[in-house]
Protein backbone atom coordinates (compact mmCIF):
# COMPACT_ATOMS: atom_id res chain seq x y z
CA MET A 1 39.69 -12.74 32.93
CA LEU A 2 36.37 -10.58 33.31
CA THR A 3 34.21 -12.13 30.38
CA PHE A 4 35.25 -15.69 31.93
CA TYR A 5 34.76 -14.61 35.29
CA LEU A 6 30.92 -13.72 34.69
CA TRP A 7 30.30 -16.39 32.13
CA ILE A 8 30.91 -19.06 34.85
CA LYS A 9 28.73 -16.88 37.25
CA SER A 10 25.77 -17.28 34.17
CA ILE A 11 26.10 -21.36 34.27
CA ASN A 12 25.98 -21.24 38.07
CA MET A 13 22.49 -19.24 38.33
CA GLY A 14 21.25 -19.81 34.81
CA SER A 15 20.76 -15.71 34.77
CA VAL A 16 20.07 -13.78 31.49
CA PHE A 17 21.59 -11.11 33.23
CA TYR A 18 24.79 -12.17 34.10
CA ALA A 19 25.12 -14.10 30.41
CA ALA A 20 24.01 -10.43 29.08
CA LEU A 21 27.03 -9.39 31.00
CA THR A 22 29.71 -11.84 29.42
CA ALA A 23 28.42 -10.51 25.64
CA VAL A 24 29.08 -7.13 26.85
CA PHE A 25 32.27 -7.91 28.06
CA TYR A 26 32.88 -9.92 24.89
CA PHE A 27 32.22 -7.09 22.78
CA TYR A 28 34.48 -5.24 24.33
CA MET A 29 37.67 -7.71 23.79
CA VAL A 30 36.05 -7.82 20.25
CA SER A 31 36.76 -4.10 19.82
CA ALA A 32 40.06 -4.26 21.45
CA TRP A 33 42.33 -7.20 20.15
CA GLY A 34 41.96 -10.24 17.57
CA GLY A 35 42.91 -12.25 20.42
CA TYR A 36 39.02 -12.31 21.35
CA VAL A 37 39.27 -15.57 19.59
CA PHE A 38 40.46 -17.51 21.74
CA ILE A 39 37.20 -16.77 24.06
CA THR A 40 35.27 -17.16 20.95
CA ASN A 41 36.17 -20.63 21.59
CA MET A 42 36.91 -21.34 24.64
CA ILE A 43 33.26 -20.93 26.42
CA PRO A 44 32.06 -23.27 23.34
CA LEU A 45 34.60 -25.39 23.87
CA HIS A 46 33.75 -25.52 28.06
CA VAL A 47 30.16 -26.27 27.42
CA PHE A 48 30.84 -28.77 24.49
CA ILE A 49 32.86 -30.80 27.02
CA LEU A 50 30.24 -30.59 29.69
CA LEU A 51 27.20 -32.00 27.09
CA LEU A 52 29.76 -35.22 26.91
CA MET A 53 30.38 -35.17 30.16
CA GLY A 54 26.23 -35.34 30.65
CA ARG A 55 25.98 -32.30 32.45
CA PHE A 56 23.53 -30.56 30.10
CA ASP A 57 20.47 -28.27 31.92
CA PHE A 58 18.84 -25.22 31.06
CA LYS A 59 20.83 -22.69 32.90
CA ILE A 60 24.02 -23.75 30.54
CA TYR A 61 21.22 -23.57 27.88
CA THR A 62 20.53 -19.81 28.80
CA SER A 63 23.70 -18.70 29.44
CA TYR A 64 25.20 -20.24 26.33
CA THR A 65 22.11 -18.60 23.98
CA THR A 66 22.11 -15.49 25.52
CA TRP A 67 25.67 -14.97 25.41
CA TYR A 68 26.27 -15.90 21.78
CA ALA A 69 23.44 -14.68 20.06
CA LEU A 70 24.41 -11.02 22.00
CA GLY A 71 27.70 -11.07 21.78
CA THR A 72 27.81 -12.29 18.41
CA LEU A 73 25.57 -9.21 16.79
CA MET A 74 27.21 -7.04 18.86
CA SER A 75 30.41 -8.20 17.52
CA MET A 76 29.47 -7.90 14.25
CA GLN A 77 28.92 -4.25 14.69
CA ILE A 78 32.76 -4.17 14.64
CA PRO A 79 33.67 -2.61 11.31
CA PHE A 80 37.20 -5.11 11.51
CA VAL A 81 35.13 -7.84 12.38
CA GLY A 82 32.01 -7.79 10.51
CA PHE A 83 30.15 -10.71 8.44
CA LEU A 84 33.20 -13.18 10.40
CA PRO A 85 31.14 -14.86 12.96
CA ILE A 86 29.06 -16.41 9.98
CA ARG A 87 31.58 -16.90 7.62
CA SER A 88 34.84 -17.51 9.24
CA ASN A 89 36.34 -21.09 10.27
CA ASP A 90 37.63 -19.45 12.92
CA HIS A 91 34.06 -19.16 14.18
CA MET A 92 32.42 -22.01 13.60
CA ALA A 93 33.17 -23.54 16.27
CA SER A 94 30.43 -21.26 18.41
CA LEU A 95 28.43 -21.63 15.87
CA GLY A 96 28.12 -25.56 15.54
CA VAL A 97 27.87 -25.60 19.66
CA PHE A 98 24.59 -23.21 19.37
CA GLY A 99 23.45 -25.91 17.08
CA LEU A 100 24.24 -28.18 19.40
CA LEU A 101 22.21 -26.75 22.21
CA GLN A 102 19.24 -26.72 20.14
CA LEU A 103 19.24 -30.26 19.20
CA VAL A 104 20.02 -31.81 22.51
CA LEU A 105 16.96 -29.22 23.78
CA LEU A 106 14.77 -31.46 20.92
CA VAL A 107 16.31 -35.01 21.93
CA ASN A 108 15.61 -34.22 25.26
CA TYR A 109 11.88 -34.03 24.15
CA LEU A 110 12.05 -36.53 22.54
CA LYS A 111 13.49 -38.78 25.31
CA TYR A 112 10.19 -38.10 27.30
CA THR A 113 7.90 -38.13 24.70
CA LEU A 114 9.21 -41.95 22.70
CA SER A 115 9.40 -45.42 23.78
CA ALA A 116 12.81 -46.30 24.48
CA ALA A 117 13.44 -48.41 21.58
CA LYS A 118 11.90 -46.01 19.12
CA PHE A 119 14.24 -43.26 20.95
CA ASN A 120 17.69 -44.95 20.56
CA LYS A 121 17.08 -46.26 16.87
CA LEU A 122 15.84 -42.22 16.28
CA MET A 123 18.84 -40.71 17.72
CA ILE A 124 21.55 -43.33 16.00
CA ALA A 125 19.60 -42.16 12.40
CA PHE A 126 19.21 -38.35 13.71
CA GLY A 127 22.96 -38.66 15.06
CA VAL A 128 24.56 -40.31 11.59
CA PHE A 129 22.54 -37.46 9.49
CA ILE A 130 23.38 -34.45 11.27
CA SER A 131 27.16 -35.47 11.49
CA VAL A 132 27.42 -36.10 7.71
CA VAL A 133 25.06 -32.73 6.77
CA ALA A 134 27.46 -30.56 9.35
CA ILE A 135 31.06 -31.90 7.95
CA THR A 136 29.82 -32.00 4.34
CA GLY A 137 28.14 -28.48 4.73
CA LEU A 138 31.04 -26.93 6.05
CA VAL A 139 33.76 -28.31 3.76
CA LEU A 140 31.05 -27.10 0.64
CA ALA A 141 30.76 -23.65 2.02
CA THR A 142 34.92 -23.37 2.24
CA LYS A 143 35.48 -24.71 -1.01
CA LEU A 144 32.57 -22.57 -2.33
CA GLY A 145 34.09 -19.54 -0.70
CA LEU A 146 31.05 -18.83 1.30
CA ILE A 147 32.72 -19.49 4.91
CA ALA A 148 36.61 -18.20 4.97
CA PRO A 149 39.49 -21.13 5.51
CA TRP A 150 41.78 -21.70 8.33
CA THR A 151 44.03 -18.39 8.73
CA GLY A 152 47.74 -19.35 8.65
CA ARG A 153 48.28 -17.64 12.19
CA PHE A 154 46.00 -20.68 13.06
CA TYR A 155 47.85 -23.72 10.84
CA SER A 156 51.25 -22.13 12.61
CA LEU A 157 49.82 -22.89 15.83
CA TRP A 158 48.69 -26.69 15.17
CA ASP A 159 52.07 -27.26 13.04
CA THR A 160 55.36 -25.16 14.71
CA SER A 161 57.07 -25.44 10.99
CA TYR A 162 53.87 -24.23 8.91
CA ALA A 163 54.76 -20.46 9.16
CA LYS A 164 57.92 -21.14 8.65
CA ILE A 165 57.50 -22.60 5.28
CA HIS A 166 54.59 -21.38 3.68
CA ILE A 167 54.03 -17.86 5.75
CA PRO A 168 57.66 -16.16 6.77
CA ILE A 169 56.09 -13.38 7.54
CA ILE A 170 54.57 -14.35 10.56
CA ALA A 171 57.50 -15.94 11.33
CA SER A 172 59.92 -13.35 11.38
CA VAL A 173 57.82 -12.15 14.30
CA SER A 174 59.60 -12.21 17.38
CA GLU A 175 56.99 -12.63 19.54
CA HIS A 176 55.78 -15.65 17.25
CA GLN A 177 58.93 -17.51 18.29
CA PRO A 178 58.55 -20.85 20.42
CA THR A 179 58.69 -20.03 23.97
CA THR A 180 61.86 -20.81 25.99
CA TRP A 181 62.12 -22.37 29.34
CA THR A 182 63.82 -18.93 31.02
CA SER A 183 60.79 -17.04 29.65
CA PHE A 184 58.36 -19.33 31.64
CA PHE A 185 60.77 -19.14 34.60
CA PHE A 186 61.48 -15.76 34.73
CA ASP A 187 57.50 -14.57 33.55
CA LEU A 188 55.72 -16.86 36.29
CA ASN A 189 58.52 -17.33 39.18
CA PHE A 190 57.50 -19.76 41.56
CA LEU A 191 54.21 -20.20 40.21
CA ILE A 192 55.28 -22.34 38.00
CA TRP A 193 55.57 -25.67 40.23
CA LEU A 194 51.75 -24.18 42.10
CA PHE A 195 49.97 -24.08 38.41
CA PRO A 196 50.14 -27.95 38.18
CA VAL A 197 48.99 -28.73 41.85
CA GLY A 198 46.16 -26.46 41.47
CA VAL A 199 45.07 -27.97 38.01
CA TYR A 200 45.50 -31.31 40.20
CA LEU A 201 42.97 -29.57 42.61
CA CYS A 202 40.59 -28.81 39.80
CA PHE A 203 40.45 -32.82 38.69
CA GLN A 204 39.11 -33.20 42.22
CA GLU A 205 36.43 -31.33 42.69
CA LEU A 206 35.53 -31.70 38.72
CA THR A 207 32.12 -29.02 39.14
CA ASN A 208 31.69 -26.74 36.16
CA GLU A 209 33.97 -24.09 37.09
CA ALA A 210 36.83 -26.29 37.79
CA VAL A 211 36.43 -28.38 34.30
CA PHE A 212 36.68 -24.46 32.82
CA LEU A 213 39.74 -23.83 34.70
CA ILE A 214 40.97 -26.99 33.05
CA VAL A 215 39.97 -26.55 29.52
CA PHE A 216 42.01 -23.13 29.94
CA ALA A 217 45.00 -24.74 31.73
CA VAL A 218 45.54 -27.05 28.93
CA LEU A 219 44.61 -24.86 25.52
CA SER A 220 46.74 -21.99 26.97
CA SER A 221 49.66 -24.20 28.43
CA TYR A 222 49.84 -25.32 24.89
CA PHE A 223 49.37 -22.19 23.01
CA ALA A 224 51.83 -20.67 25.12
CA GLY A 225 54.70 -23.10 24.23
CA VAL A 226 54.14 -22.53 20.21
CA MET A 227 54.07 -18.72 20.36
CA ILE A 228 55.95 -16.22 23.18
CA ARG A 229 52.95 -13.89 22.72
CA LEU A 230 50.25 -16.66 23.97
CA MET A 231 51.92 -16.25 27.09
CA LEU A 232 49.20 -13.65 27.70
CA THR A 233 46.66 -16.01 27.74
CA LEU A 234 48.55 -19.23 30.16
CA THR A 235 49.64 -16.00 33.18
CA PRO A 236 45.70 -15.82 33.89
CA VAL A 237 45.19 -19.02 34.54
CA VAL A 238 47.96 -19.86 36.56
CA CYS A 239 47.17 -17.02 38.73
CA VAL A 240 43.94 -18.25 39.18
CA CYS A 241 45.13 -21.88 39.62
CA SER A 242 48.17 -21.10 42.27
CA GLY A 243 45.51 -19.00 44.05
CA LEU A 244 43.63 -22.10 44.86
CA ALA A 245 46.95 -24.20 45.43
CA LEU A 246 47.91 -21.46 48.06
CA GLY A 247 44.72 -20.66 49.57
CA ARG A 248 44.22 -24.61 50.36
CA LEU A 249 47.99 -24.60 52.00
CA PHE A 250 47.16 -21.91 53.96
CA ASP A 251 43.37 -23.34 55.13
CA ILE A 252 45.38 -26.21 56.18
CA TYR A 253 48.79 -24.59 58.23
CA LEU A 254 47.04 -22.07 60.22
CA ASP A 255 44.09 -24.22 61.12
CA PHE A 256 45.59 -24.65 64.77
CA LYS A 257 42.27 -26.52 66.57
CA ASP A 258 44.22 -30.11 66.00
CA VAL A 259 47.13 -28.61 67.31
CA LEU A 260 45.73 -26.55 70.53
CA ARG A 261 43.73 -30.41 71.20
CA SER A 262 46.50 -32.47 70.90
CA ARG A 263 48.99 -29.84 73.28
CA ALA A 264 46.09 -30.22 75.78
CA GLU A 265 46.60 -34.17 75.42
CA HIS A 266 50.08 -34.53 74.68
CA GLY A 267 51.81 -31.29 76.04
CA SER A 268 54.83 -29.66 74.39
CA LYS A 269 54.30 -32.20 71.44
CA GLY A 270 51.09 -29.87 70.10
CA LEU A 271 53.88 -27.25 70.61
CA THR A 272 56.26 -28.78 68.18
CA GLU A 273 53.30 -28.70 65.41
CA VAL A 274 52.38 -25.05 66.00
CA PHE A 275 55.94 -24.35 65.16
CA SER A 276 56.17 -26.45 62.53
CA LYS A 277 53.40 -24.80 60.87
CA LEU A 278 54.36 -21.51 61.35
CA ILE A 279 57.56 -22.04 59.56
CA ILE A 280 56.03 -23.62 56.98
CA VAL A 281 53.29 -20.35 56.63
CA SER A 282 56.24 -18.18 57.13
CA THR A 283 58.43 -20.34 54.19
CA PHE A 284 54.77 -18.94 51.73
CA VAL A 285 54.93 -15.39 52.73
CA PHE A 286 58.48 -14.90 52.17
CA TYR A 287 57.57 -16.39 49.37
CA LEU A 288 54.57 -14.16 48.02
CA TYR A 289 56.61 -11.10 49.38
CA PHE A 290 59.46 -11.73 46.85
CA PHE A 291 56.96 -12.32 44.07
CA VAL A 292 55.52 -9.52 44.41
CA GLN A 293 59.43 -8.26 44.27
CA HIS A 294 60.27 -9.41 40.93
CA CYS A 295 56.90 -9.11 39.51
CA THR A 296 57.33 -5.31 40.35
CA TRP A 297 60.69 -5.07 38.61
CA ALA A 298 60.10 -7.23 35.74
CA THR A 299 57.05 -4.77 34.94
CA SER A 300 59.20 -1.50 35.71
CA THR A 301 62.45 -2.80 33.99
CA ALA A 302 61.74 -5.50 31.51
CA TYR A 303 58.33 -5.29 30.26
CA SER A 304 58.50 -0.71 30.74
CA SER A 305 61.28 -0.02 28.86
CA PRO A 306 60.50 1.99 25.17
CA SER A 307 62.21 0.63 21.56
CA VAL A 308 62.59 4.08 20.51
CA VAL A 309 65.20 4.97 23.17
CA LEU A 310 67.33 2.47 24.77
CA ALA A 311 69.26 2.18 27.45
CA SER A 312 72.61 0.67 28.34
CA ARG A 313 75.00 0.12 31.34
CA ALA A 314 78.64 1.30 31.61
CA GLN A 315 81.41 -1.14 33.26
CA ASP A 316 81.46 1.19 35.95
CA GLY A 317 77.09 0.43 36.12
CA SER A 318 76.58 3.88 35.24
CA GLN A 319 73.46 4.51 32.69
CA SER A 320 73.66 6.03 29.40
CA ILE A 321 71.08 6.68 26.94
CA ILE A 322 71.00 5.65 23.31
CA ASP A 323 68.71 8.16 21.38
CA ASP A 324 69.89 7.16 17.98
CA TYR A 325 65.96 5.96 17.06
CA ARG A 326 64.15 9.80 18.52
CA GLU A 327 67.30 11.78 16.93
CA ALA A 328 66.58 10.34 13.52
CA TYR A 329 62.66 10.37 13.47
CA TYR A 330 63.26 14.34 14.45
CA TRP A 331 66.01 14.99 11.47
CA LEU A 332 62.92 13.15 8.63
CA ARG A 333 60.36 15.25 10.40
CA MET A 334 62.95 18.20 9.82
CA ASN A 335 64.45 18.15 6.69
CA THR A 336 62.72 16.27 4.38
CA PRO A 337 59.86 17.84 2.51
CA GLU A 338 56.15 16.29 4.17
CA ASP A 339 55.07 14.15 0.99
CA SER A 340 58.77 12.25 0.73
CA LYS A 341 58.43 8.70 1.37
CA VAL A 342 60.31 6.56 3.33
CA MET A 343 61.62 2.92 2.53
CA ALA A 344 61.88 0.90 5.20
CA TRP A 345 61.13 -2.53 6.63
CA TRP A 346 58.08 -2.80 8.08
CA ASP A 347 59.43 -2.71 12.38
CA TYR A 348 59.87 0.88 11.81
CA GLY A 349 56.82 1.99 9.97
CA TYR A 350 54.54 2.74 12.88
CA GLN A 351 57.29 4.69 14.42
CA ILE A 352 58.30 6.54 10.96
CA GLY A 353 54.99 7.59 10.79
CA GLY A 354 54.23 8.31 13.92
CA MET A 355 56.94 9.96 14.86
CA ALA A 356 59.10 11.49 11.62
CA ASP A 357 55.09 11.90 10.39
CA ARG A 358 56.49 10.25 6.94
CA THR A 359 54.61 7.99 4.83
CA THR A 360 56.00 4.17 4.68
CA PHE A 361 55.41 1.62 1.97
CA VAL A 362 55.31 -0.90 4.34
CA ASP A 363 54.18 -0.43 8.70
CA ASN A 364 53.11 -2.94 11.62
CA ASN A 365 50.00 -4.04 10.28
CA THR A 366 51.26 -6.70 8.67
CA TRP A 367 48.44 -7.63 6.42
CA ASN A 368 49.82 -7.00 2.82
CA ASN A 369 52.36 -9.84 2.66
CA THR A 370 52.80 -8.97 -1.26
CA HIS A 371 53.91 -5.41 -0.76
CA ILE A 372 56.41 -6.59 2.23
CA ALA A 373 57.95 -8.70 -0.25
CA THR A 374 58.11 -5.63 -2.59
CA VAL A 375 60.09 -3.95 0.01
CA GLY A 376 62.30 -7.37 0.98
CA LYS A 377 63.33 -7.71 -2.24
CA ALA A 378 64.57 -4.00 -2.66
CA MET A 379 66.75 -4.45 -0.23
CA SER A 380 67.76 -8.36 -0.80
CA VAL A 381 69.05 -7.50 -4.34
CA SER A 382 71.77 -5.50 -6.07
CA GLU A 383 71.55 -1.23 -6.46
CA GLU A 384 71.12 -1.32 -10.33
CA LYS A 385 67.66 -3.74 -9.75
CA SER A 386 66.96 -2.38 -6.58
CA GLU A 387 66.60 1.25 -8.23
CA VAL A 388 63.97 -0.25 -10.62
CA ILE A 389 62.11 -1.13 -7.79
CA MET A 390 62.48 2.30 -6.07
CA ARG A 391 61.58 4.28 -8.87
CA GLN A 392 58.61 2.39 -9.58
CA LEU A 393 57.28 2.96 -5.96
CA GLY A 394 58.35 6.59 -5.84
CA VAL A 395 60.81 6.03 -2.99
CA ASP A 396 62.30 9.42 -1.95
CA TYR A 397 64.41 8.12 1.29
CA VAL A 398 65.72 4.65 2.15
CA LEU A 399 66.21 4.02 6.04
CA VAL A 400 68.32 1.33 7.67
CA ILE A 401 69.06 0.31 11.49
CA PHE A 402 73.11 -1.09 11.72
CA GLY A 403 74.02 -1.81 15.59
CA GLY A 404 77.73 -2.95 13.91
CA LEU A 405 79.26 -0.27 15.58
CA LEU A 406 77.81 -0.48 18.63
CA GLY A 407 76.77 -3.69 18.96
CA TYR A 408 73.46 -3.40 18.97
CA SER A 409 72.02 -6.82 18.07
CA GLY A 410 68.33 -5.90 16.93
CA ASP A 411 69.34 -4.66 13.75
CA ASP A 412 68.37 -5.00 9.92
CA LEU A 413 71.05 -7.26 9.01
CA ASN A 414 70.22 -9.85 11.57
CA LYS A 415 66.65 -9.81 10.60
CA PHE A 416 67.97 -9.99 6.99
CA LEU A 417 67.29 -13.69 5.94
CA TRP A 418 63.78 -13.26 6.53
CA MET A 419 63.42 -10.11 4.41
CA VAL A 420 65.32 -12.55 1.89
CA ARG A 421 62.84 -15.68 3.02
CA ILE A 422 59.63 -13.72 2.80
CA ALA A 423 60.88 -11.89 -0.98
CA GLU A 424 61.61 -15.22 -2.10
CA GLY A 425 57.99 -16.48 -1.43
CA ILE A 426 57.12 -14.14 -4.35
CA TRP A 427 59.82 -13.79 -6.30
CA PRO A 428 61.96 -17.21 -6.13
CA GLU A 429 63.54 -16.53 -9.65
CA ASP A 430 65.18 -13.11 -8.28
CA VAL A 431 65.95 -13.57 -4.76
CA ASN A 432 67.06 -17.28 -3.28
CA GLU A 433 68.35 -17.39 0.28
CA LYS A 434 71.22 -20.08 -0.92
CA THR A 435 73.12 -16.96 -3.01
CA PHE A 436 73.70 -15.41 0.73
CA PHE A 437 75.19 -17.45 2.22
CA THR A 438 79.04 -18.95 1.58
CA GLN A 439 79.58 -22.51 -0.29
CA ARG A 440 80.16 -24.11 3.81
CA GLY A 441 77.14 -22.49 4.31
CA GLU A 442 78.09 -19.71 6.59
CA TYR A 443 76.38 -16.33 7.02
CA ARG A 444 79.22 -14.27 6.51
CA VAL A 445 79.40 -10.67 6.66
CA ASP A 446 83.48 -9.80 6.68
CA ASP A 447 85.53 -10.21 3.30
CA LEU A 448 84.53 -14.19 3.23
CA ALA A 449 81.00 -13.40 2.62
CA ALA A 450 79.02 -14.47 -0.53
CA GLU A 451 78.86 -12.57 -3.34
CA GLY A 452 74.77 -11.92 -3.37
CA MET A 453 75.33 -10.68 0.19
CA LYS A 454 77.76 -8.68 -0.82
CA ASP A 455 75.82 -7.04 -3.85
CA SER A 456 72.79 -6.64 -1.76
CA LEU A 457 71.95 -2.67 -1.35
CA MET A 458 70.90 -3.99 2.79
CA TYR A 459 74.83 -4.94 2.73
CA LYS A 460 76.05 -1.78 1.23
CA MET A 461 73.85 0.78 3.15
CA SER A 462 75.11 -0.77 6.18
CA TYR A 463 79.13 -0.71 5.78
CA TYR A 464 79.09 2.49 3.56
CA ARG A 465 81.98 4.19 5.01
CA PHE A 466 82.12 2.24 8.26
CA GLY A 467 85.91 1.48 6.95
CA ASP A 468 86.51 4.74 7.67
CA LEU A 469 85.79 5.29 11.26
CA PHE A 470 88.75 2.99 11.98
CA GLY A 471 91.50 4.83 9.68
CA ASN A 472 94.00 1.98 8.76
CA LYS A 473 92.81 -0.69 11.26
CA ASP A 474 90.37 -3.64 10.34
CA PRO A 475 86.98 -2.35 11.02
CA VAL A 476 85.01 -5.18 13.43
CA ASP A 477 81.07 -5.61 13.19
CA ARG A 478 80.62 -6.12 17.05
CA VAL A 479 77.47 -7.97 16.64
CA ARG A 480 78.17 -10.39 14.53
CA GLN A 481 81.38 -10.80 15.91
CA GLN A 482 83.64 -10.63 12.22
CA LYS A 483 86.56 -8.69 10.96
CA LEU A 484 86.38 -6.59 7.35
CA SER A 485 89.72 -5.79 6.02
CA SER A 486 90.13 -2.14 6.28
CA ASN A 487 90.89 -1.96 1.92
CA TYR A 488 87.78 -4.26 1.21
CA ALA A 489 85.73 -2.00 4.29
CA LYS A 490 86.69 1.18 2.10
CA SER A 491 85.78 -0.12 -1.07
CA ILE A 492 82.13 -0.42 -0.59
CA LYS A 493 80.30 2.45 -2.75
CA LEU A 494 77.22 3.57 -3.72
CA ASP A 495 75.87 4.61 -6.73
CA VAL A 496 72.22 5.84 -7.03
CA LEU A 497 72.11 6.79 -3.04
CA GLU A 498 73.43 9.45 -1.08
CA GLU A 499 74.22 9.32 2.76
CA VAL A 500 71.92 12.28 4.12
CA PHE A 501 72.22 11.17 7.86
CA THR A 502 73.86 8.96 10.14
CA SER A 503 72.54 8.89 13.76
CA GLU A 504 75.57 9.34 16.58
CA ASN A 505 75.51 5.69 17.31
CA TRP A 506 76.15 4.41 13.39
CA ILE A 507 72.54 2.36 14.61
CA VAL A 508 69.83 4.76 12.16
CA ARG A 509 71.23 5.42 8.54
CA ILE A 510 69.48 7.75 5.91
CA TYR A 511 70.33 7.51 2.21
CA LYS A 512 68.32 9.41 -0.13
CA LEU A 513 67.54 8.41 -3.56
CA LYS A 514 69.55 10.88 -6.04
CA ASP A 515 67.69 12.16 -8.89
CA LYS A 516 68.38 11.40 -12.62
CA ASP A 517 70.46 13.86 -14.85
CA ASN A 518 68.76 15.60 -17.70
CA PHE A 519 68.19 12.64 -20.18
CA GLY A 520 66.29 11.14 -17.61
CA ARG A 521 69.10 8.48 -16.64
CA SER A 522 70.69 7.37 -12.91
CA LEU A 523 74.02 7.62 -12.27
CA ILE A 524 73.61 3.52 -13.33
CA ASP A 525 72.23 3.73 -16.21
CA VAL A 526 75.27 5.91 -17.78
CA GLY A 527 78.85 3.73 -18.66
CA ASP A 528 81.71 4.43 -16.09
CA ASP A 529 84.13 6.99 -17.99
CA GLU A 530 81.05 8.97 -19.18
CA ARG A 531 79.76 9.60 -15.27
CA LYS A 532 83.51 10.54 -14.36
CA HIS A 533 83.23 12.90 -17.74
CA ALA A 534 79.83 14.15 -16.07
CA SER A 535 81.86 14.87 -12.51
CA LYS A 536 84.48 16.58 -14.44
CA ARG A 537 82.35 18.76 -16.61
CA VAL A 538 80.33 19.66 -13.68
CA LYS A 539 83.53 20.62 -11.38
CA ARG A 540 84.62 22.87 -13.95
CA MET A 541 81.13 24.62 -14.21
CA GLN A 542 81.55 24.75 -10.74
CA THR A 543 85.16 26.83 -10.51
CA ARG A 544 84.75 28.91 -14.11
CA LYS A 545 84.32 32.49 -13.47
CA LYS A 546 81.04 33.54 -13.79
CA PRO A 547 80.92 36.71 -16.25
CA GLU A 548 79.71 40.55 -15.28
CA LEU A 549 76.43 41.17 -16.83
CA ASP A 550 75.93 44.07 -18.96
CA LEU A 551 72.86 45.97 -17.15
CA ARG A 552 72.85 49.03 -20.08
CA VAL A 553 69.83 49.14 -22.24
């Protein structure tokens, strides 16, 4: 917002100083968040629209060239960015507008030096030539690899089904889902109907800053509808436009000059108008007061709760704290070797690394889709096939989130289909999403679940020993509201993994990959009969009386 404010200030004054300040805060944005690309494209789009409106002047030229030159050079000092400003399609709009401004400056010079007929002919030929060269050059540079193509996140903004089909890792993130109407009303409150009024007022003025607000409002409204996380880009312009609308309303209804004059002429009629205006002003003050109350509550309650410690309300209204995550990470930190490697879904990677201080295979930096797909495959296939993957990765422990006992809906079984889809994108011959649905197309976890579901490692780790908690009664998964038969639930076994920790509410479960035997075989490698004999031999050796040692020389 400070970058945008300084940009408006610079084009209004044509100031190199304010344009340089714009570049400084743009550089801060680049160093802080990948969303800086929004600014990188917003400012050139604003300039391009002003050019189409015939508003080119030297203030715009000075401001943009200063911002682009300094901002680009400073942003290239960030290792994450590097040469992206000149080698990425995401940045080509700013580079293109920079070149366009130089051409416009040349055109203005030729306009005053050539006759009208020559100028028109030259402009037509010049325009066609520049367009063909620019488009051809961009396409060829992209094909040759000189310029990076558009990213998957860019395509998912314009085609809402693109990510689900081509890049399921993007679609699997909850904050990448389309925004619901309830989220708009919850976040914006009564500003949701003041916002369009403010945009309408901008159309009435159409100054340079008003054009910027219109472009900002249109783009951010679309992006916020595509992804819920992009509400971040919408809320600032909603506040600005709503502020314009409220300011105009207060200007009208707090102006009592005409009312007092009318009262002097008509007596009681003027008093009625004063009273009416005060009622309207009081209404808006009431709205603003409760808007502050709502924002304070939403910030402190909905947007400030840590994801590690969960809170729930009992029927009597008392609050209970669910500390399973921290409890499990503390156990990992204190009871496992420092060089242990933990396999878990990427959602918990940063937490395991930060709180348990253990190595994970995938984390919240989702840049390596193949690596994430490998973990997804290990969770999706049978225990026998998963063991091969875990041995190759060097897995020591496996962590899984299960909310069936408590009713915690954010568990891994609810995310499981995304693991399957991501794995299927890399290994379609090994993982097929259809095998996890019943013949009727149902996603079930009870006795009627699909064989692919029952056979998966994720399913076995989630429901292992679940039936023991209910005795002879049939256990119920409170998240999916499905009942497993007691006999079936107790028949779920694990061979290569052994349970080493389950949190108080069964939300976090940790398993250890068993060591191979003296012949380098896992328990799956040996047959059932041999496994039973081996187990009996171990028991006999444990109960056999040890001979006394003869210490005489």
